[in-house]
């Protein structure tokens, strides 16, 4: 499925498009309040947050904890 968002400024164009969408059986919704568009400053702020990323986890410590937790666990169909 592909989602397309259109901003139609001329209501006459909307009245032309809607019957076509209905004829083609394309599901559509009409929103009176369009999605807000970010300003350049807001966009830069959002990208700055994304660029920071998440804190790197200590993979070696997680692996050591996992091995320690599984060390004494009996495994099915294996006898020591």
N, C-alpha and C. Protein backbone atom coordinates (compact mmCIF):
# COMPACT_ATOMS: atom_id res chain seq x y z
N UNK A 1 0.85 -1.17 0.00
CA UNK A 1 0.00 0.00 0.00
C UNK A 1 0.90 1.23 0.00
N UNK A 2 0.54 2.21 -0.76
CA UNK A 2 1.25 3.48 -0.83
C UNK A 2 0.35 4.57 -0.30
N UNK A 3 0.92 5.44 0.54
CA UNK A 3 0.15 6.54 1.12
C UNK A 3 0.64 7.82 0.47
N UNK A 4 -0.30 8.62 -0.04
CA UNK A 4 0.01 9.88 -0.69
C UNK A 4 -0.77 10.98 0.01
N UNK A 5 -0.09 12.05 0.34
CA UNK A 5 -0.75 13.20 0.97
C UNK A 5 -0.73 14.35 -0.02
N UNK A 6 -1.91 14.88 -0.31
CA UNK A 6 -2.04 15.98 -1.26
C UNK A 6 -2.51 17.23 -0.54
N UNK A 7 -1.99 18.37 -0.94
CA UNK A 7 -2.49 19.65 -0.45
C UNK A 7 -3.13 20.36 -1.64
N UNK A 8 -4.44 20.46 -1.60
CA UNK A 8 -5.18 21.04 -2.73
C UNK A 8 -5.72 22.39 -2.28
N UNK A 9 -5.26 23.44 -2.93
CA UNK A 9 -5.67 24.79 -2.52
C UNK A 9 -6.98 25.21 -3.19
N UNK A 10 -7.26 24.70 -4.38
CA UNK A 10 -8.47 25.09 -5.11
C UNK A 10 -9.56 24.04 -4.86
N UNK A 11 -10.63 24.46 -4.22
CA UNK A 11 -11.70 23.51 -3.89
C UNK A 11 -12.35 22.91 -5.13
N UNK A 12 -12.34 23.62 -6.25
CA UNK A 12 -12.89 23.08 -7.50
C UNK A 12 -12.09 21.86 -7.95
N UNK A 13 -10.77 21.90 -7.74
CA UNK A 13 -9.93 20.74 -8.08
C UNK A 13 -10.27 19.55 -7.19
N UNK A 14 -10.58 19.84 -5.95
CA UNK A 14 -10.97 18.76 -5.02
C UNK A 14 -12.24 18.08 -5.50
N UNK A 15 -13.19 18.85 -5.99
CA UNK A 15 -14.45 18.28 -6.48
C UNK A 15 -14.24 17.45 -7.75
N UNK A 16 -13.18 17.73 -8.48
CA UNK A 16 -12.85 16.91 -9.66
C UNK A 16 -12.17 15.62 -9.22
N UNK A 17 -11.31 15.72 -8.23
CA UNK A 17 -10.51 14.57 -7.79
C UNK A 17 -11.32 13.54 -7.01
N UNK A 18 -12.21 13.98 -6.15
CA UNK A 18 -12.95 13.05 -5.30
C UNK A 18 -13.75 12.01 -6.08
N UNK A 19 -14.52 12.36 -7.12
CA UNK A 19 -15.23 11.33 -7.87
C UNK A 19 -14.28 10.32 -8.54
N UNK A 20 -13.14 10.79 -8.97
CA UNK A 20 -12.16 9.88 -9.58
C UNK A 20 -11.65 8.88 -8.55
N UNK A 21 -11.33 9.36 -7.36
CA UNK A 21 -10.87 8.45 -6.30
C UNK A 21 -11.94 7.41 -5.97
N UNK A 22 -13.18 7.86 -5.89
CA UNK A 22 -14.27 6.93 -5.59
C UNK A 22 -14.46 5.92 -6.72
N UNK A 23 -14.37 6.37 -7.96
CA UNK A 23 -14.53 5.47 -9.11
C UNK A 23 -13.44 4.41 -9.14
N UNK A 24 -12.21 4.81 -8.77
CA UNK A 24 -11.10 3.87 -8.76
C UNK A 24 -11.07 3.01 -7.50
N UNK A 25 -11.94 3.31 -6.56
CA UNK A 25 -12.00 2.53 -5.32
C UNK A 25 -10.82 2.81 -4.40
N UNK A 26 -10.31 4.03 -4.45
CA UNK A 26 -9.17 4.42 -3.62
C UNK A 26 -9.69 5.03 -2.33
N UNK A 27 -9.31 4.43 -1.21
CA UNK A 27 -9.71 4.96 0.10
C UNK A 27 -9.07 6.32 0.30
N UNK A 28 -9.83 7.28 0.80
CA UNK A 28 -9.30 8.62 1.01
C UNK A 28 -9.94 9.24 2.24
N UNK A 29 -9.23 10.16 2.83
CA UNK A 29 -9.73 10.92 3.97
C UNK A 29 -9.48 12.39 3.68
N UNK A 30 -10.37 13.22 4.19
CA UNK A 30 -10.21 14.66 4.01
C UNK A 30 -9.98 15.28 5.39
N UNK A 31 -8.86 15.97 5.50
CA UNK A 31 -8.53 16.65 6.75
C UNK A 31 -8.60 18.14 6.51
N UNK A 32 -9.44 18.82 7.28
CA UNK A 32 -9.57 20.26 7.12
C UNK A 32 -8.33 21.00 7.62
N UNK A 33 -7.69 20.44 8.63
CA UNK A 33 -6.51 21.09 9.21
C UNK A 33 -5.27 20.33 8.74
N UNK A 34 -4.54 20.88 7.79
CA UNK A 34 -3.37 20.16 7.27
C UNK A 34 -2.29 19.99 8.34
N UNK A 35 -1.44 19.00 8.14
CA UNK A 35 -0.34 18.76 9.05
C UNK A 35 0.56 19.99 9.10
N UNK A 36 1.03 20.32 10.29
CA UNK A 36 1.90 21.49 10.38
C UNK A 36 3.23 21.22 9.67
N UNK A 37 3.74 22.22 9.03
CA UNK A 37 5.02 22.12 8.36
C UNK A 37 6.07 22.71 9.29
N UNK A 38 7.18 22.00 9.45
CA UNK A 38 8.23 22.47 10.34
C UNK A 38 8.98 23.64 9.72
N UNK A 39 9.34 24.57 10.57
CA UNK A 39 10.21 25.65 10.10
C UNK A 39 11.63 25.08 9.99
N UNK A 40 12.49 25.82 9.34
CA UNK A 40 13.87 25.35 9.18
C UNK A 40 14.55 25.17 10.54
N UNK A 41 14.29 26.08 11.48
CA UNK A 41 14.87 25.98 12.82
C UNK A 41 14.36 24.74 13.55
N UNK A 42 13.06 24.46 13.44
CA UNK A 42 12.49 23.26 14.06
C UNK A 42 13.07 22.00 13.43
N UNK A 43 13.21 22.00 12.13
CA UNK A 43 13.77 20.84 11.43
C UNK A 43 15.21 20.58 11.89
N UNK A 44 16.00 21.66 12.00
CA UNK A 44 17.39 21.51 12.46
C UNK A 44 17.44 20.98 13.89
N UNK A 45 16.52 21.44 14.74
CA UNK A 45 16.47 20.96 16.12
C UNK A 45 16.14 19.47 16.16
N UNK A 46 15.21 19.04 15.34
CA UNK A 46 14.85 17.62 15.29
C UNK A 46 16.01 16.78 14.80
N UNK A 47 16.68 17.25 13.74
CA UNK A 47 17.83 16.51 13.22
C UNK A 47 18.97 16.46 14.22
N UNK A 48 19.14 17.51 15.02
CA UNK A 48 20.19 17.51 16.04
C UNK A 48 19.93 16.41 17.06
N UNK A 49 18.66 16.24 17.45
CA UNK A 49 18.31 15.17 18.39
C UNK A 49 18.58 13.81 17.76
N UNK A 50 18.21 13.65 16.50
CA UNK A 50 18.44 12.37 15.81
C UNK A 50 19.92 12.09 15.70
N UNK A 51 20.72 13.12 15.36
CA UNK A 51 22.15 12.94 15.19
C UNK A 51 22.85 12.53 16.49
N UNK A 52 22.30 12.97 17.65
CA UNK A 52 22.90 12.59 18.92
C UNK A 52 22.82 11.07 19.13
N UNK A 53 21.77 10.47 18.61
CA UNK A 53 21.62 9.03 18.74
C UNK A 53 21.31 8.62 20.17
N UNK A 54 21.53 7.35 20.44
CA UNK A 54 21.30 6.80 21.77
C UNK A 54 22.64 6.48 22.39
N UNK A 55 22.71 6.44 23.70
CA UNK A 55 23.97 6.11 24.34
C UNK A 55 24.42 4.71 23.94
N UNK A 56 25.70 4.57 23.67
CA UNK A 56 26.24 3.26 23.30
C UNK A 56 26.23 2.36 24.53
N UNK A 57 25.77 1.15 24.33
CA UNK A 57 25.74 0.22 25.45
C UNK A 57 27.05 -0.56 25.49
N UNK A 58 27.35 -1.07 26.65
CA UNK A 58 28.57 -1.85 26.84
C UNK A 58 28.26 -3.30 26.47
N UNK A 59 28.49 -3.64 25.22
CA UNK A 59 28.15 -4.96 24.71
C UNK A 59 28.91 -6.06 25.43
N UNK A 60 30.18 -5.81 25.72
CA UNK A 60 30.99 -6.83 26.41
C UNK A 60 30.42 -7.14 27.79
N UNK A 61 29.97 -6.13 28.51
CA UNK A 61 29.39 -6.36 29.84
C UNK A 61 28.08 -7.14 29.73
N UNK A 62 27.27 -6.82 28.73
CA UNK A 62 26.02 -7.56 28.53
C UNK A 62 26.30 -9.02 28.19
N UNK A 63 27.28 -9.26 27.34
CA UNK A 63 27.64 -10.62 26.97
C UNK A 63 28.17 -11.40 28.16
N UNK A 64 28.99 -10.76 28.98
CA UNK A 64 29.52 -11.42 30.18
C UNK A 64 28.38 -11.78 31.13
N UNK A 65 27.43 -10.86 31.34
CA UNK A 65 26.28 -11.13 32.21
C UNK A 65 25.45 -12.30 31.66
N UNK A 66 25.27 -12.33 30.36
CA UNK A 66 24.49 -13.41 29.73
C UNK A 66 25.19 -14.75 29.92
N UNK A 67 26.49 -14.78 29.68
CA UNK A 67 27.23 -16.04 29.85
C UNK A 67 27.21 -16.49 31.30
N UNK A 68 27.33 -15.55 32.23
CA UNK A 68 27.30 -15.89 33.66
C UNK A 68 25.93 -16.45 34.05
N UNK A 69 24.85 -15.85 33.54
CA UNK A 69 23.51 -16.32 33.89
C UNK A 69 23.23 -17.70 33.32
N UNK A 70 23.85 -18.04 32.18
CA UNK A 70 23.58 -19.33 31.54
C UNK A 70 24.57 -20.41 31.95
N UNK A 71 25.61 -20.07 32.69
CA UNK A 71 26.68 -21.01 32.99
C UNK A 71 26.19 -22.26 33.71
N UNK A 72 25.40 -22.08 34.72
CA UNK A 72 24.97 -23.22 35.53
C UNK A 72 23.62 -23.79 35.13
N UNK A 73 23.09 -23.35 34.04
CA UNK A 73 21.78 -23.81 33.61
C UNK A 73 21.90 -25.16 32.92
N UNK A 74 21.13 -26.14 33.36
CA UNK A 74 21.18 -27.45 32.69
C UNK A 74 20.52 -27.37 31.32
N UNK A 75 21.16 -27.96 30.34
CA UNK A 75 20.61 -27.96 28.99
C UNK A 75 19.89 -29.28 28.73
N UNK A 76 18.75 -29.25 28.04
CA UNK A 76 18.03 -30.48 27.76
C UNK A 76 18.84 -31.40 26.82
N UNK A 77 18.75 -32.65 27.05
CA UNK A 77 19.37 -33.72 26.26
C UNK A 77 20.89 -33.62 26.24
N UNK A 78 21.47 -32.96 27.22
CA UNK A 78 22.93 -32.92 27.35
C UNK A 78 23.31 -33.28 28.77
N UNK A 79 24.20 -34.21 28.87
CA UNK A 79 24.69 -34.59 30.19
C UNK A 79 26.17 -34.29 30.26
N UNK A 80 26.58 -33.70 31.37
CA UNK A 80 28.01 -33.37 31.53
C UNK A 80 28.79 -34.53 32.05
